[in-house]
Amino acid sequence: MKCAVIHRPSEAALSLIARKVRDKALRDIIENGHVESIGICQGTVLEIIVASDTAEKTSDVMVCEINGSCPQHMTCLGLFGKTSAVTAAMDAIKAIQF
């Protein structure tokens, strides 16, 4: 699974992600710039689901699917929150043996 973190995301990055998030409450948070860091994971459906569960159990992050061009295709997992929380969640995800 590919993983990346964006600390202090730019307005352009936030706008791009907000357009791909279906959850209105989270989209509003993203659009208003109330995101300190973003963790992004790309993998298989199995990897994304396990990563989502691990992230929420590890730290105080908001987790959502970032949709691709086809609504049935789960392409990425987004983790949103404070830098320390996103970093802890991403470390836990990277430690998973798939």
Protein backbone atom coordinates (compact mmCIF):
# COMPACT_ATOMS: atom_id res chain seq x y z
CA MET A 1 0.00 0.00 0.00
CA LYS A 2 1.22 3.51 -0.82
CA CYS A 3 1.05 6.09 1.97
CA ALA A 4 1.84 9.80 2.16
CA VAL A 5 1.34 12.65 4.61
CA ILE A 6 0.73 16.33 3.90
CA HIS A 7 1.40 18.69 6.80
CA ARG A 8 -0.17 22.16 6.58
CA PRO A 9 -1.95 21.36 3.29
CA SER A 10 -2.27 24.11 0.72
CA GLU A 11 -5.64 25.54 -0.32
CA ALA A 12 -5.28 23.79 -3.67
CA ALA A 13 -4.71 20.39 -2.03
CA LEU A 14 -7.67 20.92 0.31
CA SER A 15 -9.91 21.97 -2.59
CA LEU A 16 -8.89 18.97 -4.68
CA ILE A 17 -9.60 16.54 -1.83
CA ALA A 18 -12.86 18.24 -0.81
CA ARG A 19 -14.27 17.61 -4.29
CA LYS A 20 -13.61 13.88 -3.85
CA VAL A 21 -15.12 13.47 -0.35
CA ARG A 22 -18.81 12.51 -0.09
CA ASP A 23 -19.22 13.07 3.67
CA LYS A 24 -20.66 16.60 3.84
CA ALA A 25 -19.61 17.28 7.44
CA LEU A 26 -16.01 16.33 6.70
CA ARG A 27 -16.08 18.19 3.37
CA ASP A 28 -17.13 21.35 5.25
CA ILE A 29 -14.22 20.92 7.68
CA ILE A 30 -11.80 20.49 4.77
CA GLU A 31 -13.20 23.43 2.80
CA ASN A 32 -12.94 25.70 5.83
CA GLY A 33 -9.25 24.87 6.23
CA HIS A 34 -9.61 23.25 9.65
CA VAL A 35 -7.16 20.47 8.80
CA GLU A 36 -3.64 20.47 10.22
CA SER A 37 -2.45 17.33 8.43
CA ILE A 38 -3.71 14.78 5.92
CA GLY A 39 -2.67 11.16 5.62
CA ILE A 40 -3.46 9.48 2.31
CA CYS A 41 -3.34 5.73 1.67
CA GLN A 42 -3.88 4.00 -1.66
CA GLY A 43 -4.35 0.26 -1.90
CA THR A 44 -6.76 -2.60 -2.37
CA VAL A 45 -10.22 -2.52 -0.83
CA LEU A 46 -9.04 -4.93 1.87
CA GLU A 47 -6.03 -2.75 2.71
CA ILE A 48 -8.13 0.41 2.82
CA ILE A 49 -10.71 -1.10 5.18
CA VAL A 50 -8.08 -2.51 7.55
CA ALA A 51 -6.15 0.78 7.45
CA SER A 52 -9.32 2.72 8.27
CA ASP A 53 -10.04 0.53 11.27
CA THR A 54 -6.44 0.74 12.47
CA ALA A 55 -6.30 4.53 12.11
CA GLU A 56 -9.46 5.16 14.12
CA LYS A 57 -8.36 2.76 16.86
CA THR A 58 -4.89 4.32 17.03
CA SER A 59 -5.56 8.04 17.26
CA ASP A 60 -8.07 10.86 17.05
CA VAL A 61 -8.38 11.21 13.27
CA MET A 62 -11.33 11.61 10.94
CA VAL A 63 -11.24 8.89 8.29
CA CYS A 64 -12.97 8.90 4.94
CA GLU A 65 -12.88 7.49 1.46
CA ILE A 66 -11.47 9.75 -1.22
CA ASN A 67 -13.33 8.81 -4.39
CA GLY A 68 -11.76 8.40 -7.77
CA SER A 69 -13.43 8.92 -11.10
CA CYS A 70 -15.79 5.95 -10.64
CA PRO A 71 -18.01 6.03 -7.52
CA GLN A 72 -17.80 2.25 -7.09
CA HIS A 73 -13.99 2.35 -6.96
CA MET A 74 -12.44 2.94 -3.54
CA THR A 75 -9.11 4.49 -4.48
CA CYS A 76 -7.81 6.24 -1.38
CA LEU A 77 -8.30 6.58 2.32
CA GLY A 78 -7.96 10.03 3.84
CA LEU A 79 -6.99 10.66 7.47
CA PHE A 80 -7.58 14.17 8.76
CA GLY A 81 -6.57 15.74 12.04
CA LYS A 82 -3.77 17.19 14.11
CA THR A 83 -0.25 16.42 12.94
CA SER A 84 0.55 14.15 15.90
CA ALA A 85 -2.68 12.14 15.45
CA VAL A 86 -2.21 11.71 11.69
CA THR A 87 1.44 10.72 12.18
CA ALA A 88 0.53 8.12 14.83
CA ALA A 89 -2.23 6.66 12.63
CA MET A 90 0.02 6.50 9.58
CA ASP A 91 2.80 4.79 11.57
CA ALA A 92 0.30 2.17 12.74
CA ILE A 93 -0.95 1.61 9.19
CA LYS A 94 2.59 1.23 7.83
CA ALA A 95 3.29 -1.41 10.50
CA ILE A 96 0.49 -3.68 9.26
CA GLN A 97 1.70 -6.81 7.50
CA PHE A 98 -0.58 -7.36 4.51
